[in-house]
Amino acid sequence: MFVALGLMLLGLLLGRLLRGQGWISLPGRCVSPVILLMLFCLGLSVGGNATLMANLPLLGGQALLLTLAGVAGSLVAVRCIRRWLGSPGLPPKAAKATSQDERTL
């Protein structure tokens, strides 16, 4: 974990120091293909694991339940925060809307 964080911070530092170099954009163009290759390899390893494939319906149901619970919890938290802190009102219009503006709404 610390190695991964250290490498990320080292990359940030080097990117900052080498900003403006033409070749520094090359790794940025390689990120998406590398991520797709990693996802493909992950799929191969999951598909090759018989135990995991047998339990996939159960794991998928649990993942769906956790996702829905997380979204519901976030919505409840936003509602509570808005109630306690007050919901900001819409800013007043600077000028009265013309008939042209009203037709576009």
N, C-alpha and C. Protein backbone atom coordinates (compact mmCIF):
# COMPACT_ATOMS: atom_id res chain seq x y z
N MET A 1 0.82 -1.19 0.00
CA MET A 1 0.00 0.00 0.00
C MET A 1 0.86 1.25 0.00
N PHE A 2 1.87 1.26 0.88
CA PHE A 2 2.75 2.43 0.94
C PHE A 2 3.60 2.56 -0.31
N VAL A 3 3.92 1.44 -0.91
CA VAL A 3 4.71 1.47 -2.15
C VAL A 3 3.87 2.12 -3.25
N ALA A 4 2.61 1.73 -3.35
CA ALA A 4 1.74 2.31 -4.38
C ALA A 4 1.55 3.80 -4.16
N LEU A 5 1.32 4.21 -2.93
CA LEU A 5 1.17 5.65 -2.64
C LEU A 5 2.47 6.40 -2.91
N GLY A 6 3.58 5.80 -2.55
CA GLY A 6 4.87 6.45 -2.80
C GLY A 6 5.14 6.61 -4.28
N LEU A 7 4.81 5.58 -5.07
CA LEU A 7 5.00 5.69 -6.52
C LEU A 7 4.09 6.75 -7.13
N MET A 8 2.86 6.85 -6.62
CA MET A 8 1.96 7.87 -7.13
C MET A 8 2.49 9.26 -6.80
N LEU A 9 2.95 9.46 -5.58
CA LEU A 9 3.49 10.76 -5.21
C LEU A 9 4.77 11.09 -5.98
N LEU A 10 5.59 10.08 -6.24
CA LEU A 10 6.79 10.29 -7.05
C LEU A 10 6.41 10.70 -8.47
N GLY A 11 5.38 10.06 -9.02
CA GLY A 11 4.91 10.44 -10.35
C GLY A 11 4.36 11.85 -10.38
N LEU A 12 3.64 12.24 -9.33
CA LEU A 12 3.14 13.62 -9.25
C LEU A 12 4.29 14.62 -9.21
N LEU A 13 5.29 14.32 -8.42
CA LEU A 13 6.44 15.21 -8.31
C LEU A 13 7.19 15.32 -9.64
N LEU A 14 7.44 14.17 -10.28
CA LEU A 14 8.13 14.21 -11.57
C LEU A 14 7.30 14.91 -12.64
N GLY A 15 6.00 14.68 -12.64
CA GLY A 15 5.14 15.36 -13.59
C GLY A 15 5.17 16.86 -13.41
N ARG A 16 5.22 17.30 -12.17
CA ARG A 16 5.29 18.74 -11.88
C ARG A 16 6.62 19.31 -12.32
N LEU A 17 7.69 18.59 -12.06
CA LEU A 17 9.02 19.09 -12.42
C LEU A 17 9.25 19.09 -13.93
N LEU A 18 8.68 18.12 -14.63
CA LEU A 18 8.91 17.99 -16.07
C LEU A 18 7.78 18.59 -16.90
N ARG A 19 6.95 19.42 -16.29
CA ARG A 19 5.84 20.03 -17.01
C ARG A 19 6.37 20.85 -18.19
N GLY A 20 5.69 20.78 -19.31
CA GLY A 20 6.11 21.52 -20.49
C GLY A 20 6.96 20.71 -21.45
N GLN A 21 7.47 19.57 -21.03
CA GLN A 21 8.23 18.71 -21.92
C GLN A 21 7.27 18.03 -22.89
N GLY A 22 7.66 17.89 -24.13
CA GLY A 22 6.79 17.29 -25.13
C GLY A 22 6.51 15.82 -24.90
N TRP A 23 7.51 15.08 -24.46
CA TRP A 23 7.36 13.63 -24.32
C TRP A 23 6.61 13.24 -23.06
N ILE A 24 6.36 14.17 -22.16
CA ILE A 24 5.72 13.83 -20.88
C ILE A 24 4.25 13.42 -21.08
N SER A 25 3.63 13.78 -22.22
CA SER A 25 2.25 13.40 -22.45
C SER A 25 2.11 11.96 -22.93
N LEU A 26 3.20 11.30 -23.28
CA LEU A 26 3.15 9.92 -23.76
C LEU A 26 2.54 8.96 -22.74
N PRO A 27 2.93 8.98 -21.47
CA PRO A 27 2.29 8.06 -20.51
C PRO A 27 0.79 8.31 -20.37
N GLY A 28 0.34 9.55 -20.52
CA GLY A 28 -1.08 9.84 -20.41
C GLY A 28 -1.90 9.15 -21.49
N ARG A 29 -1.31 8.98 -22.66
CA ARG A 29 -2.01 8.30 -23.75
C ARG A 29 -2.02 6.79 -23.57
N CYS A 30 -1.19 6.28 -22.71
CA CYS A 30 -1.10 4.82 -22.48
C CYS A 30 -1.99 4.35 -21.33
N VAL A 31 -2.55 5.28 -20.56
CA VAL A 31 -3.28 4.90 -19.35
C VAL A 31 -4.52 4.07 -19.69
N SER A 32 -5.36 4.53 -20.60
CA SER A 32 -6.60 3.81 -20.91
C SER A 32 -6.33 2.40 -21.45
N PRO A 33 -5.42 2.22 -22.42
CA PRO A 33 -5.16 0.85 -22.87
C PRO A 33 -4.63 -0.06 -21.76
N VAL A 34 -3.81 0.46 -20.87
CA VAL A 34 -3.28 -0.36 -19.78
C VAL A 34 -4.39 -0.74 -18.81
N ILE A 35 -5.30 0.19 -18.53
CA ILE A 35 -6.43 -0.13 -17.64
C ILE A 35 -7.31 -1.19 -18.27
N LEU A 36 -7.57 -1.09 -19.57
CA LEU A 36 -8.37 -2.10 -20.26
C LEU A 36 -7.69 -3.46 -20.22
N LEU A 37 -6.38 -3.49 -20.41
CA LEU A 37 -5.63 -4.75 -20.33
C LEU A 37 -5.70 -5.35 -18.92
N MET A 38 -5.61 -4.50 -17.90
CA MET A 38 -5.71 -4.99 -16.53
C MET A 38 -7.11 -5.55 -16.24
N LEU A 39 -8.15 -4.89 -16.75
CA LEU A 39 -9.51 -5.40 -16.57
C LEU A 39 -9.70 -6.74 -17.27
N PHE A 40 -9.10 -6.87 -18.46
CA PHE A 40 -9.16 -8.15 -19.18
C PHE A 40 -8.49 -9.25 -18.37
N CYS A 41 -7.32 -8.96 -17.81
CA CYS A 41 -6.61 -9.96 -16.99
C CYS A 41 -7.40 -10.30 -15.73
N LEU A 42 -8.06 -9.32 -15.13
CA LEU A 42 -8.89 -9.57 -13.97
C LEU A 42 -10.05 -10.49 -14.35
N GLY A 43 -10.66 -10.25 -15.51
CA GLY A 43 -11.74 -11.12 -15.99
C GLY A 43 -11.26 -12.54 -16.21
N LEU A 44 -10.05 -12.69 -16.76
CA LEU A 44 -9.50 -14.03 -16.95
C LEU A 44 -9.31 -14.75 -15.62
N SER A 45 -8.79 -14.04 -14.64
CA SER A 45 -8.55 -14.69 -13.35
C SER A 45 -9.85 -15.02 -12.63
N VAL A 46 -10.86 -14.15 -12.73
CA VAL A 46 -12.15 -14.44 -12.10
C VAL A 46 -12.84 -15.59 -12.82
N GLY A 47 -12.81 -15.57 -14.15
CA GLY A 47 -13.44 -16.65 -14.91
C GLY A 47 -12.78 -17.99 -14.70
N GLY A 48 -11.50 -18.01 -14.39
CA GLY A 48 -10.79 -19.26 -14.16
C GLY A 48 -10.95 -19.81 -12.76
N ASN A 49 -11.51 -19.03 -11.85
CA ASN A 49 -11.69 -19.47 -10.46
C ASN A 49 -13.08 -20.09 -10.32
N ALA A 50 -13.13 -21.43 -10.21
CA ALA A 50 -14.40 -22.14 -10.16
C ALA A 50 -15.21 -21.79 -8.92
N THR A 51 -14.56 -21.63 -7.78
CA THR A 51 -15.26 -21.30 -6.54
C THR A 51 -15.92 -19.93 -6.64
N LEU A 52 -15.19 -18.99 -7.16
CA LEU A 52 -15.73 -17.64 -7.31
C LEU A 52 -16.89 -17.61 -8.30
N MET A 53 -16.75 -18.33 -9.39
CA MET A 53 -17.83 -18.37 -10.39
C MET A 53 -19.09 -19.02 -9.81
N ALA A 54 -18.93 -20.02 -8.94
CA ALA A 54 -20.09 -20.68 -8.33
C ALA A 54 -20.81 -19.74 -7.37
N ASN A 55 -20.07 -18.86 -6.71
CA ASN A 55 -20.66 -17.94 -5.74
C ASN A 55 -20.99 -16.57 -6.32
N LEU A 56 -20.82 -16.39 -7.62
CA LEU A 56 -21.02 -15.09 -8.25
C LEU A 56 -22.44 -14.55 -8.09
N PRO A 57 -23.51 -15.37 -8.22
CA PRO A 57 -24.85 -14.81 -8.00
C PRO A 57 -25.04 -14.26 -6.59
N LEU A 58 -24.53 -14.96 -5.59
CA LEU A 58 -24.64 -14.48 -4.21
C LEU A 58 -23.84 -13.20 -4.02
N LEU A 59 -22.62 -13.18 -4.56
CA LEU A 59 -21.78 -11.99 -4.42
C LEU A 59 -22.38 -10.80 -5.17
N GLY A 60 -22.97 -11.05 -6.33
CA GLY A 60 -23.60 -9.98 -7.09
C GLY A 60 -24.79 -9.38 -6.35
N GLY A 61 -25.58 -10.25 -5.72
CA GLY A 61 -26.71 -9.76 -4.93
C GLY A 61 -26.27 -8.92 -3.75
N GLN A 62 -25.21 -9.36 -3.09
CA GLN A 62 -24.69 -8.58 -1.96
C GLN A 62 -24.13 -7.24 -2.44
N ALA A 63 -23.46 -7.25 -3.58
CA ALA A 63 -22.91 -6.00 -4.12
C ALA A 63 -24.04 -5.04 -4.48
N LEU A 64 -25.12 -5.54 -5.06
CA LEU A 64 -26.26 -4.70 -5.40
C LEU A 64 -26.89 -4.13 -4.14
N LEU A 65 -27.04 -4.96 -3.11
CA LEU A 65 -27.62 -4.50 -1.85
C LEU A 65 -26.74 -3.40 -1.22
N LEU A 66 -25.43 -3.60 -1.21
CA LEU A 66 -24.53 -2.59 -0.66
C LEU A 66 -24.59 -1.29 -1.45
N THR A 67 -24.69 -1.39 -2.77
CA THR A 67 -24.78 -0.19 -3.60
C THR A 67 -26.05 0.58 -3.31
N LEU A 68 -27.18 -0.11 -3.26
CA LEU A 68 -28.45 0.56 -2.98
C LEU A 68 -28.46 1.17 -1.58
N ALA A 69 -27.89 0.46 -0.61
CA ALA A 69 -27.83 1.00 0.75
C ALA A 69 -26.94 2.24 0.80
N GLY A 70 -25.84 2.24 0.05
CA GLY A 70 -24.96 3.40 0.02
C GLY A 70 -25.63 4.61 -0.61
N VAL A 71 -26.36 4.40 -1.69
CA VAL A 71 -27.08 5.51 -2.33
C VAL A 71 -28.18 6.03 -1.42
N ALA A 72 -28.93 5.13 -0.80
CA ALA A 72 -30.00 5.54 0.11
C ALA A 72 -29.43 6.31 1.30
N GLY A 73 -28.33 5.85 1.85
CA GLY A 73 -27.70 6.55 2.96
C GLY A 73 -27.21 7.94 2.57
N SER A 74 -26.69 8.07 1.37
CA SER A 74 -26.24 9.38 0.89
C SER A 74 -27.41 10.33 0.73
N LEU A 75 -28.52 9.83 0.19
CA LEU A 75 -29.70 10.68 0.03
C LEU A 75 -30.25 11.13 1.37
N VAL A 76 -30.29 10.23 2.34
CA VAL A 76 -30.77 10.58 3.68
C VAL A 76 -29.83 11.61 4.31
N ALA A 77 -28.53 11.43 4.14
CA ALA A 77 -27.58 12.39 4.71
C ALA A 77 -27.74 13.77 4.10
N VAL A 78 -27.92 13.84 2.79
CA VAL A 78 -28.12 15.14 2.13
C VAL A 78 -29.39 15.79 2.63
N ARG A 79 -30.44 15.01 2.78
CA ARG A 79 -31.71 15.57 3.27
C ARG A 79 -31.55 16.12 4.68
N CYS A 80 -30.85 15.39 5.54
CA CYS A 80 -30.63 15.85 6.92
C CYS A 80 -29.77 17.11 6.95
N ILE A 81 -28.73 17.13 6.15
CA ILE A 81 -27.84 18.30 6.13
C ILE A 81 -28.59 19.52 5.63
N ARG A 82 -29.40 19.34 4.58
CA ARG A 82 -30.18 20.47 4.07
C ARG A 82 -31.19 20.96 5.10
N ARG A 83 -31.77 20.05 5.85
CA ARG A 83 -32.75 20.45 6.87
C ARG A 83 -32.07 21.20 8.01
N TRP A 84 -30.91 20.71 8.46
CA TRP A 84 -30.23 21.35 9.59
C TRP A 84 -29.52 22.64 9.20
N LEU A 85 -28.91 22.66 8.05
CA LEU A 85 -28.14 23.84 7.65
C LEU A 85 -28.94 24.79 6.78
N GLY A 86 -30.08 24.38 6.33
CA GLY A 86 -30.89 25.23 5.46
C GLY A 86 -30.48 25.05 4.02
N SER A 87 -31.48 25.02 3.18
CA SER A 87 -31.22 24.87 1.76
C SER A 87 -31.01 26.25 1.15
N PRO A 88 -29.93 26.43 0.40
CA PRO A 88 -29.71 27.75 -0.20
C PRO A 88 -30.77 28.01 -1.26
N GLY A 89 -31.30 29.22 -1.25
CA GLY A 89 -32.32 29.60 -2.23
C GLY A 89 -31.70 29.91 -3.57
N LEU A 90 -32.54 30.02 -4.55
CA LEU A 90 -32.05 30.38 -5.87
C LEU A 90 -31.69 31.86 -5.89
N PRO A 91 -30.65 32.22 -6.60
CA PRO A 91 -30.28 33.63 -6.65
C PRO A 91 -31.33 34.42 -7.42
N PRO A 92 -31.60 35.66 -7.00
CA PRO A 92 -32.59 36.45 -7.72
C PRO A 92 -32.10 36.79 -9.11
N LYS A 93 -33.04 36.95 -10.03
CA LYS A 93 -32.67 37.29 -11.40
C LYS A 93 -32.19 38.73 -11.43
N ALA A 94 -31.15 38.97 -12.20
CA ALA A 94 -30.59 40.31 -12.28
C ALA A 94 -31.52 41.25 -13.02
N ALA A 95 -32.17 40.76 -14.03
CA ALA A 95 -33.08 41.59 -14.80
C ALA A 95 -34.34 40.79 -15.09
N LYS A 96 -35.41 41.51 -15.33
CA LYS A 96 -36.66 40.84 -15.63
C LYS A 96 -36.54 40.12 -16.97
N ALA A 97 -37.04 38.91 -17.02
CA ALA A 97 -36.94 38.11 -18.25
C ALA A 97 -37.81 38.73 -19.33
N THR A 98 -37.29 38.77 -20.51
CA THR A 98 -38.06 39.26 -21.64
C THR A 98 -38.92 38.14 -22.17
N SER A 99 -39.84 38.47 -23.05
CA SER A 99 -40.71 37.44 -23.60
C SER A 99 -39.91 36.41 -24.39
N GLN A 100 -38.77 36.82 -24.99
CA GLN A 100 -37.90 35.88 -25.71
C GLN A 100 -37.32 34.86 -24.74
N ASP A 101 -36.84 35.32 -23.58
CA ASP A 101 -36.27 34.40 -22.57
C ASP A 101 -37.33 33.45 -22.04
N GLU A 102 -38.53 33.93 -21.83
CA GLU A 102 -39.59 33.09 -21.27
C GLU A 102 -39.99 31.99 -22.24
N ARG A 103 -39.94 32.28 -23.55
CA ARG A 103 -40.30 31.28 -24.54
C ARG A 103 -39.25 30.16 -24.60
N THR A 104 -37.97 30.48 -24.33
CA THR A 104 -36.92 29.46 -24.40
C THR A 104 -36.94 28.55 -23.19
N LEU A 105 -37.53 29.01 -22.08
CA LEU A 105 -37.60 28.17 -20.89
C LEU A 105 -38.69 27.19 -21.09
